Amino acid sequence: MDLMPALDREKCNGCGLCVRVCHCNAFVMIGNLVAVVETDFCGWCTHCEAICPMGAISCPFEIVIEER
């Protein structure tokens, strides 16, 4: 499953918080802009979505924990 966070460039203010919290390096700064890059592994932690002050990041996946 290769789901990556989605970035709305119109909402993004280029603060770079997502770059700092992403342990998988899925985000990079290019000048004053943030870009999403494909990585071998996205841990689906959703820290990037939670920290974004502009609501510019959405994670198109849901973590479900099943009880056994």
N, C-alpha and C. Protein backbone atom coordinates (compact mmCIF):
# COMPACT_ATOMS: atom_id res chain seq x y z
N MET A 1 0.85 -1.17 0.00
CA MET A 1 0.00 0.00 0.00
C MET A 1 0.90 1.23 0.00
N ASP A 2 0.85 2.02 -1.06
CA ASP A 2 1.70 3.19 -1.21
C ASP A 2 0.91 4.49 -1.08
N LEU A 3 0.25 4.68 0.01
CA LEU A 3 -0.50 5.91 0.21
C LEU A 3 0.40 6.95 0.84
N MET A 4 0.38 8.13 0.27
CA MET A 4 1.20 9.23 0.77
C MET A 4 0.29 10.37 1.21
N PRO A 5 0.73 11.20 2.13
CA PRO A 5 -0.05 12.38 2.50
C PRO A 5 -0.25 13.29 1.28
N ALA A 6 -1.38 13.98 1.25
CA ALA A 6 -1.68 14.90 0.16
C ALA A 6 -1.46 16.33 0.66
N LEU A 7 -0.87 17.16 -0.18
CA LEU A 7 -0.57 18.54 0.17
C LEU A 7 -1.37 19.47 -0.73
N ASP A 8 -2.14 20.36 -0.12
CA ASP A 8 -2.88 21.39 -0.85
C ASP A 8 -1.99 22.62 -0.91
N ARG A 9 -1.36 22.85 -2.04
CA ARG A 9 -0.39 23.94 -2.18
C ARG A 9 -1.03 25.32 -2.02
N GLU A 10 -2.31 25.44 -2.27
CA GLU A 10 -2.98 26.73 -2.11
C GLU A 10 -3.15 27.10 -0.64
N LYS A 11 -3.21 26.10 0.23
CA LYS A 11 -3.33 26.35 1.67
C LYS A 11 -1.97 26.45 2.36
N CYS A 12 -0.97 25.80 1.79
CA CYS A 12 0.36 25.72 2.42
C CYS A 12 1.03 27.09 2.48
N ASN A 13 1.54 27.43 3.67
CA ASN A 13 2.25 28.70 3.82
C ASN A 13 3.78 28.52 3.84
N GLY A 14 4.24 27.29 3.63
CA GLY A 14 5.67 27.03 3.56
C GLY A 14 6.41 27.09 4.88
N CYS A 15 5.70 26.87 5.99
CA CYS A 15 6.34 26.98 7.31
C CYS A 15 7.37 25.87 7.55
N GLY A 16 7.21 24.71 6.92
CA GLY A 16 8.17 23.62 7.06
C GLY A 16 8.00 22.73 8.27
N LEU A 17 6.93 22.92 9.04
CA LEU A 17 6.73 22.06 10.22
C LEU A 17 6.59 20.60 9.82
N CYS A 18 5.92 20.33 8.72
CA CYS A 18 5.74 18.95 8.27
C CYS A 18 7.09 18.30 7.93
N VAL A 19 7.99 19.08 7.36
CA VAL A 19 9.32 18.56 7.03
C VAL A 19 10.05 18.14 8.30
N ARG A 20 9.90 18.93 9.35
CA ARG A 20 10.60 18.65 10.60
C ARG A 20 10.04 17.44 11.34
N VAL A 21 8.71 17.19 11.26
CA VAL A 21 8.15 16.08 12.02
C VAL A 21 8.10 14.76 11.25
N CYS A 22 8.32 14.80 9.94
CA CYS A 22 8.22 13.57 9.14
C CYS A 22 9.48 12.72 9.28
N HIS A 23 9.32 11.54 9.87
CA HIS A 23 10.45 10.63 10.08
C HIS A 23 10.79 9.86 8.81
N CYS A 24 9.93 9.92 7.80
CA CYS A 24 10.15 9.16 6.56
C CYS A 24 10.68 10.03 5.43
N ASN A 25 10.86 11.32 5.70
CA ASN A 25 11.33 12.25 4.68
C ASN A 25 10.39 12.33 3.48
N ALA A 26 9.09 12.30 3.74
CA ALA A 26 8.10 12.41 2.67
C ALA A 26 7.90 13.86 2.23
N PHE A 27 8.39 14.80 3.02
CA PHE A 27 8.26 16.22 2.69
C PHE A 27 9.64 16.84 2.55
N VAL A 28 9.78 17.75 1.61
CA VAL A 28 11.03 18.48 1.43
C VAL A 28 10.70 19.95 1.18
N MET A 29 11.64 20.80 1.52
CA MET A 29 11.52 22.22 1.21
C MET A 29 12.26 22.46 -0.10
N ILE A 30 11.59 23.12 -1.03
CA ILE A 30 12.21 23.54 -2.28
C ILE A 30 12.03 25.06 -2.31
N GLY A 31 13.08 25.76 -1.96
CA GLY A 31 12.97 27.20 -1.79
C GLY A 31 12.08 27.47 -0.58
N ASN A 32 11.01 28.21 -0.78
CA ASN A 32 10.05 28.50 0.29
C ASN A 32 8.80 27.64 0.19
N LEU A 33 8.85 26.61 -0.62
CA LEU A 33 7.69 25.75 -0.83
C LEU A 33 7.94 24.35 -0.31
N VAL A 34 6.87 23.73 0.16
CA VAL A 34 6.93 22.33 0.61
C VAL A 34 6.48 21.45 -0.54
N ALA A 35 7.11 20.30 -0.70
CA ALA A 35 6.72 19.33 -1.71
C ALA A 35 6.66 17.95 -1.06
N VAL A 36 5.76 17.11 -1.56
CA VAL A 36 5.67 15.72 -1.11
C VAL A 36 6.47 14.88 -2.10
N VAL A 37 7.32 14.01 -1.57
CA VAL A 37 8.10 13.13 -2.41
C VAL A 37 7.77 11.68 -2.06
N GLU A 38 7.85 10.83 -3.03
CA GLU A 38 7.61 9.40 -2.79
C GLU A 38 8.77 8.84 -1.98
N THR A 39 8.44 8.09 -0.96
CA THR A 39 9.47 7.42 -0.17
C THR A 39 9.19 5.92 -0.23
N ASP A 40 10.14 5.15 0.20
CA ASP A 40 9.94 3.70 0.24
C ASP A 40 8.95 3.31 1.33
N PHE A 41 8.81 4.19 2.32
CA PHE A 41 7.96 3.84 3.45
C PHE A 41 7.37 5.08 4.09
N CYS A 42 6.07 5.14 4.16
CA CYS A 42 5.38 6.17 4.94
C CYS A 42 4.78 5.43 6.13
N GLY A 43 5.16 5.85 7.33
CA GLY A 43 4.71 5.17 8.54
C GLY A 43 3.28 5.46 8.93
N TRP A 44 2.60 6.32 8.18
CA TRP A 44 1.19 6.66 8.41
C TRP A 44 0.94 7.16 9.82
N CYS A 45 1.90 7.90 10.35
CA CYS A 45 1.76 8.40 11.72
C CYS A 45 0.80 9.59 11.80
N THR A 46 0.58 10.28 10.71
CA THR A 46 -0.28 11.46 10.58
C THR A 46 0.20 12.67 11.38
N HIS A 47 1.46 12.67 11.83
CA HIS A 47 2.00 13.83 12.54
C HIS A 47 1.98 15.07 11.65
N CYS A 48 2.26 14.88 10.36
CA CYS A 48 2.29 15.99 9.42
C CYS A 48 0.91 16.65 9.32
N GLU A 49 -0.13 15.85 9.26
CA GLU A 49 -1.49 16.37 9.18
C GLU A 49 -1.86 17.11 10.47
N ALA A 50 -1.46 16.56 11.60
CA ALA A 50 -1.81 17.15 12.89
C ALA A 50 -1.08 18.46 13.15
N ILE A 51 0.16 18.59 12.68
CA ILE A 51 0.96 19.78 13.00
C ILE A 51 0.73 20.94 12.04
N CYS A 52 0.16 20.69 10.88
CA CYS A 52 0.00 21.73 9.87
C CYS A 52 -0.99 22.81 10.34
N PRO A 53 -0.51 24.05 10.55
CA PRO A 53 -1.39 25.10 11.05
C PRO A 53 -2.40 25.59 10.01
N MET A 54 -2.16 25.28 8.74
CA MET A 54 -3.02 25.77 7.67
C MET A 54 -4.02 24.71 7.20
N GLY A 55 -3.92 23.49 7.73
CA GLY A 55 -4.81 22.41 7.28
C GLY A 55 -4.54 22.02 5.84
N ALA A 56 -3.28 22.16 5.41
CA ALA A 56 -2.92 21.90 4.02
C ALA A 56 -2.57 20.44 3.74
N ILE A 57 -2.47 19.63 4.78
CA ILE A 57 -2.09 18.22 4.60
C ILE A 57 -3.24 17.32 5.01
N SER A 58 -3.53 16.37 4.15
CA SER A 58 -4.53 15.36 4.51
C SER A 58 -3.93 13.99 4.25
N CYS A 59 -4.24 13.09 5.14
CA CYS A 59 -3.73 11.72 5.02
C CYS A 59 -4.88 10.83 4.55
N PRO A 60 -4.77 10.28 3.33
CA PRO A 60 -5.85 9.51 2.74
C PRO A 60 -5.90 8.06 3.23
N PHE A 61 -5.61 7.86 4.49
CA PHE A 61 -5.64 6.53 5.04
C PHE A 61 -6.13 6.61 6.47
N GLU A 62 -6.59 5.50 6.96
CA GLU A 62 -7.11 5.44 8.32
C GLU A 62 -6.47 4.24 9.00
N ILE A 63 -6.00 4.45 10.19
CA ILE A 63 -5.39 3.37 10.96
C ILE A 63 -6.49 2.72 11.80
N VAL A 64 -6.65 1.43 11.62
CA VAL A 64 -7.68 0.69 12.33
C VAL A 64 -7.01 -0.40 13.14
N ILE A 65 -7.31 -0.44 14.43
CA ILE A 65 -6.77 -1.47 15.30
C ILE A 65 -7.90 -2.41 15.67
N GLU A 66 -7.75 -3.65 15.28
CA GLU A 66 -8.77 -4.65 15.56
C GLU A 66 -8.49 -5.34 16.88
N GLU A 67 -9.53 -5.52 17.65
CA GLU A 67 -9.39 -6.28 18.88
C GLU A 67 -9.50 -7.77 18.54
N ARG A 68 -8.73 -8.56 19.21
CA ARG A 68 -8.77 -10.02 18.94
C ARG A 68 -9.32 -10.72 20.13
